[in-house]
Amino acid sequence: MKEKCSLCGQEIKLRYNPMEKWGIDGPLCGKCYSNKVNEHYPGDHIRVNKHLD
């Protein structure tokens, strides 16, 4: 059985762990993780795991 996101309940394709100060218990999907990053750290963010073609 696949893991579900702790916030939205969708199936997780790539698992992200929330930061402790966010107060979230359990894994996050990429969309919810990105939303939380933008919420807590406003500004532009560059993903370091993005594949360049």
PDB file of N, CA and C in Angstrom:
ATOM      1  N   MET A   1       0.841  -1.189   0.000  1.00  0.00           N
ATOM      2  CA  MET A   1       0.000   0.000   0.000  1.00  0.00           C
ATOM      3  C   MET A   1       0.882   1.248   0.000  1.00  0.00           C
ATOM      4  N   LYS A   2       0.547   2.199  -0.842  1.00  0.00           N
ATOM      5  CA  LYS A   2       1.317   3.439  -0.970  1.00  0.00           C
ATOM      6  C   LYS A   2       1.020   4.371   0.205  1.00  0.00           C
ATOM      7  N   GLU A   3       2.000   5.214   0.509  1.00  0.00           N
ATOM      8  CA  GLU A   3       1.815   6.210   1.566  1.00  0.00           C
ATOM      9  C   GLU A   3       0.895   7.323   1.084  1.00  0.00           C
ATOM     10  N   LYS A   4       0.206   7.941   2.031  1.00  0.00           N
ATOM     11  CA  LYS A   4      -0.671   9.071   1.734  1.00  0.00           C
ATOM     12  C   LYS A   4      -0.095  10.323   2.383  1.00  0.00           C
ATOM     13  N   CYS A   5      -0.295  11.451   1.724  1.00  0.00           N
ATOM     14  CA  CYS A   5       0.165  12.741   2.234  1.00  0.00           C
ATOM     15  C   CYS A   5      -0.586  13.085   3.523  1.00  0.00           C
ATOM     16  N   SER A   6       0.143  13.566   4.505  1.00  0.00           N
ATOM     17  CA  SER A   6      -0.450  13.926   5.794  1.00  0.00           C
ATOM     18  C   SER A   6      -1.379  15.132   5.715  1.00  0.00           C
ATOM     19  N   LEU A   7      -1.240  15.955   4.677  1.00  0.00           N
ATOM     20  CA  LEU A   7      -2.094  17.138   4.552  1.00  0.00           C
ATOM     21  C   LEU A   7      -3.273  16.925   3.613  1.00  0.00           C
ATOM     22  N   CYS A   8      -3.003  16.461   2.385  1.00  0.00           N
ATOM     23  CA  CYS A   8      -4.087  16.373   1.396  1.00  0.00           C
ATOM     24  C   CYS A   8      -4.659  14.964   1.232  1.00  0.00           C
ATOM     25  N   GLY A   9      -3.943  13.949   1.730  1.00  0.00           N
ATOM     26  CA  GLY A   9      -4.441  12.580   1.659  1.00  0.00           C
ATOM     27  C   GLY A   9      -4.205  11.888   0.322  1.00  0.00           C
ATOM     28  N   GLN A  10      -3.555  12.567  -0.627  1.00  0.00           N
ATOM     29  CA  GLN A  10      -3.267  11.962  -1.923  1.00  0.00           C
ATOM     30  C   GLN A  10      -2.106  10.967  -1.795  1.00  0.00           C
ATOM     31  N   GLU A  11      -2.067  10.019  -2.722  1.00  0.00           N
ATOM     32  CA  GLU A  11      -0.979   9.055  -2.750  1.00  0.00           C
ATOM     33  C   GLU A  11       0.337   9.768  -3.048  1.00  0.00           C
ATOM     34  N   ILE A  12       1.383   9.396  -2.315  1.00  0.00           N
ATOM     35  CA  ILE A  12       2.689  10.031  -2.471  1.00  0.00           C
ATOM     36  C   ILE A  12       3.496   9.308  -3.539  1.00  0.00           C
ATOM     37  N   LYS A  13       3.973  10.078  -4.509  1.00  0.00           N
ATOM     38  CA  LYS A  13       4.862   9.538  -5.540  1.00  0.00           C
ATOM     39  C   LYS A  13       6.313   9.741  -5.125  1.00  0.00           C
ATOM     40  N   LEU A  14       6.629  10.917  -4.579  1.00  0.00           N
ATOM     41  CA  LEU A  14       7.957  11.219  -4.064  1.00  0.00           C
ATOM     42  C   LEU A  14       7.767  11.787  -2.666  1.00  0.00           C
ATOM     43  N   ARG A  15       8.322  11.117  -1.677  1.00  0.00           N
ATOM     44  CA  ARG A  15       8.089  11.434  -0.265  1.00  0.00           C
ATOM     45  C   ARG A  15       8.966  12.596   0.200  1.00  0.00           C
ATOM     46  N   TYR A  16       8.344  13.527   0.916  1.00  0.00           N
ATOM     47  CA  TYR A  16       9.061  14.645   1.546  1.00  0.00           C
ATOM     48  C   TYR A  16       8.766  14.622   3.033  1.00  0.00           C
ATOM     49  N   ASN A  17       9.771  14.925   3.833  1.00  0.00           N
ATOM     50  CA  ASN A  17       9.590  15.023   5.277  1.00  0.00           C
ATOM     51  C   ASN A  17       9.403  16.484   5.654  1.00  0.00           C
ATOM     52  N   PRO A  18       8.372  16.786   6.450  1.00  0.00           N
ATOM     53  CA  PRO A  18       8.159  18.175   6.862  1.00  0.00           C
ATOM     54  C   PRO A  18       9.221  18.622   7.859  1.00  0.00           C
ATOM     55  N   MET A  19       9.474  19.906   7.895  1.00  0.00           N
ATOM     56  CA  MET A  19      10.395  20.461   8.884  1.00  0.00           C
ATOM     57  C   MET A  19       9.710  20.420  10.244  1.00  0.00           C
ATOM     58  N   GLU A  20      10.501  20.213  11.287  1.00  0.00           N
ATOM     59  CA  GLU A  20       9.946  20.061  12.640  1.00  0.00           C
ATOM     60  C   GLU A  20       9.076  21.235  13.053  1.00  0.00           C
ATOM     61  N   LYS A  21       9.515  22.454  12.738  1.00  0.00           N
ATOM     62  CA  LYS A  21       8.768  23.629  13.195  1.00  0.00           C
ATOM     63  C   LYS A  21       7.424  23.799  12.493  1.00  0.00           C
ATOM     64  N   TRP A  22       7.157  23.024  11.431  1.00  0.00           N
ATOM     65  CA  TRP A  22       5.856  23.081  10.767  1.00  0.00           C
ATOM     66  C   TRP A  22       4.780  22.380  11.582  1.00  0.00           C
ATOM     67  N   GLY A  23       5.174  21.499  12.507  1.00  0.00           N
ATOM     68  CA  GLY A  23       4.217  20.801  13.360  1.00  0.00           C
ATOM     69  C   GLY A  23       3.363  19.778  12.626  1.00  0.00           C
ATOM     70  N   ILE A  24       3.912  19.160  11.598  1.00  0.00           N
ATOM     71  CA  ILE A  24       3.184  18.159  10.820  1.00  0.00           C
ATOM     72  C   ILE A  24       3.792  16.796  11.113  1.00  0.00           C
ATOM     73  N   ASP A  25       2.949  15.835  11.452  1.00  0.00           N
ATOM     74  CA  ASP A  25       3.409  14.494  11.754  1.00  0.00           C
ATOM     75  C   ASP A  25       3.123  13.580  10.572  1.00  0.00           C
ATOM     76  N   GLY A  26       4.167  13.197   9.843  1.00  0.00           N
ATOM     77  CA  GLY A  26       3.997  12.299   8.712  1.00  0.00           C
ATOM     78  C   GLY A  26       4.509  12.913   7.425  1.00  0.00           C
ATOM     79  N   PRO A  27       4.604  12.099   6.385  1.00  0.00           N
ATOM     80  CA  PRO A  27       5.178  12.525   5.109  1.00  0.00           C
ATOM     81  C   PRO A  27       4.268  13.459   4.324  1.00  0.00           C
ATOM     82  N   LEU A  28       4.875  14.198   3.393  1.00  0.00           N
ATOM     83  CA  LEU A  28       4.137  15.113   2.527  1.00  0.00           C
ATOM     84  C   LEU A  28       4.388  14.768   1.067  1.00  0.00           C
ATOM     85  N   CYS A  29       3.410  15.069   0.220  1.00  0.00           N
ATOM     86  CA  CYS A  29       3.614  14.960  -1.223  1.00  0.00           C
ATOM     87  C   CYS A  29       4.363  16.214  -1.678  1.00  0.00           C
ATOM     88  N   GLY A  30       4.854  16.207  -2.889  1.00  0.00           N
ATOM     89  CA  GLY A  30       5.628  17.325  -3.408  1.00  0.00           C
ATOM     90  C   GLY A  30       4.852  18.629  -3.435  1.00  0.00           C
ATOM     91  N   LYS A  31       3.581  18.571  -3.790  1.00  0.00           N
ATOM     92  CA  LYS A  31       2.760  19.786  -3.875  1.00  0.00           C
ATOM     93  C   LYS A  31       2.585  20.426  -2.494  1.00  0.00           C
ATOM     94  N   CYS A  32       2.248  19.612  -1.500  1.00  0.00           N
ATOM     95  CA  CYS A  32       2.049  20.153  -0.150  1.00  0.00           C
ATOM     96  C   CYS A  32       3.366  20.641   0.450  1.00  0.00           C
ATOM     97  N   TYR A  33       4.461  19.930   0.172  1.00  0.00           N
ATOM     98  CA  TYR A  33       5.769  20.363   0.661  1.00  0.00           C
ATOM     99  C   TYR A  33       6.120  21.724   0.063  1.00  0.00           C
ATOM    100  N   SER A  34       5.925  21.877  -1.238  1.00  0.00           N
ATOM    101  CA  SER A  34       6.212  23.158  -1.902  1.00  0.00           C
ATOM    102  C   SER A  34       5.351  24.272  -1.330  1.00  0.00           C
ATOM    103  N   ASN A  35       4.080  23.989  -1.077  1.00  0.00           N
ATOM    104  CA  ASN A  35       3.194  24.997  -0.495  1.00  0.00           C
ATOM    105  C   ASN A  35       3.681  25.432   0.881  1.00  0.00           C
ATOM    106  N   LYS A  36       4.122  24.469   1.693  1.00  0.00           N
ATOM    107  CA  LYS A  36       4.615  24.797   3.037  1.00  0.00           C
ATOM    108  C   LYS A  36       5.919  25.589   2.970  1.00  0.00           C
ATOM    109  N   VAL A  37       6.804  25.237   2.043  1.00  0.00           N
ATOM    110  CA  VAL A  37       8.049  25.993   1.881  1.00  0.00           C
ATOM    111  C   VAL A  37       7.719  27.437   1.533  1.00  0.00           C
ATOM    112  N   ASN A  38       6.799  27.638   0.581  1.00  0.00           N
ATOM    113  CA  ASN A  38       6.417  29.000   0.196  1.00  0.00           C
ATOM    114  C   ASN A  38       5.737  29.751   1.331  1.00  0.00           C
ATOM    115  N   GLU A  39       4.982  29.039   2.142  1.00  0.00           N
ATOM    116  CA  GLU A  39       4.282  29.657   3.277  1.00  0.00           C
ATOM    117  C   GLU A  39       5.269  30.131   4.343  1.00  0.00           C
ATOM    118  N   HIS A  40       6.255  29.307   4.650  1.00  0.00           N
ATOM    119  CA  HIS A  40       7.193  29.616   5.730  1.00  0.00           C
ATOM    120  C   HIS A  40       8.429  30.375   5.271  1.00  0.00           C
ATOM    121  N   TYR A  41       8.772  30.253   4.004  1.00  0.00           N
ATOM    122  CA  TYR A  41       9.968  30.906   3.460  1.00  0.00           C
ATOM    123  C   TYR A  41       9.605  31.583   2.147  1.00  0.00           C
ATOM    124  N   PRO A  42       8.969  32.757   2.190  1.00  0.00           N
ATOM    125  CA  PRO A  42       8.542  33.437   0.967  1.00  0.00           C
ATOM    126  C   PRO A  42       9.717  33.793   0.057  1.00  0.00           C
ATOM    127  N   GLY A  43       9.439  33.853  -1.231  1.00  0.00           N
ATOM    128  CA  GLY A  43      10.458  34.203  -2.212  1.00  0.00           C
ATOM    129  C   GLY A  43      10.572  33.108  -3.256  1.00  0.00           C
ATOM    130  N   ASP A  44      11.565  33.245  -4.125  1.00  0.00           N
ATOM    131  CA  ASP A  44      11.794  32.247  -5.167  1.00  0.00           C
ATOM    132  C   ASP A  44      12.616  31.099  -4.616  1.00  0.00           C
ATOM    133  N   HIS A  45      12.247  29.881  -5.018  1.00  0.00           N
ATOM    134  CA  HIS A  45      12.958  28.683  -4.575  1.00  0.00           C
ATOM    135  C   HIS A  45      13.352  27.863  -5.790  1.00  0.00           C
ATOM    136  N   ILE A  46      14.566  27.401  -5.790  1.00  0.00           N
ATOM    137  CA  ILE A  46      15.062  26.567  -6.875  1.00  0.00           C
ATOM    138  C   ILE A  46      15.225  25.156  -6.327  1.00  0.00           C
ATOM    139  N   ARG A  47      14.604  24.203  -7.026  1.00  0.00           N
ATOM    140  CA  ARG A  47      14.721  22.812  -6.605  1.00  0.00           C
ATOM    141  C   ARG A  47      16.063  22.252  -7.052  1.00  0.00           C
ATOM    142  N   VAL A  48      16.803  21.705  -6.098  1.00  0.00           N
ATOM    143  CA  VAL A  48      18.122  21.184  -6.417  1.00  0.00           C
ATOM    144  C   VAL A  48      18.065  19.818  -7.075  1.00  0.00           C
ATOM    145  N   ASN A  49      16.934  19.117  -6.971  1.00  0.00           N
ATOM    146  CA  ASN A  49      16.821  17.787  -7.566  1.00  0.00           C
ATOM    147  C   ASN A  49      16.169  17.830  -8.946  1.00  0.00           C
ATOM    148  N   LYS A  50      15.988  19.008  -9.505  1.00  0.00           N
ATOM    149  CA  LYS A  50      15.368  19.143 -10.820  1.00  0.00           C
ATOM    150  C   LYS A  50      16.349  18.684 -11.897  1.00  0.00           C
ATOM    151  N   HIS A  51      15.891  17.816 -12.772  1.00  0.00           N
ATOM    152  CA  HIS A  51      16.740  17.300 -13.843  1.00  0.00           C
ATOM    153  C   HIS A  51      16.806  18.310 -14.979  1.00  0.00           C
ATOM    154  N   LEU A  52      17.998  18.602 -15.417  1.00  0.00           N
ATOM    155  CA  LEU A  52      18.186  19.526 -16.524  1.00  0.00           C
ATOM    156  C   LEU A  52      18.381  18.726 -17.798  1.00  0.00           C
ATOM    157  N   ASP A  53      17.675  19.107 -18.849  1.00  0.00           N
ATOM    158  CA  ASP A  53      17.797  18.416 -20.131  1.00  0.00           C
ATOM    159  C   ASP A  53      18.780  19.117 -21.028  1.00  0.00           C
TER     160      ASP A  53
END
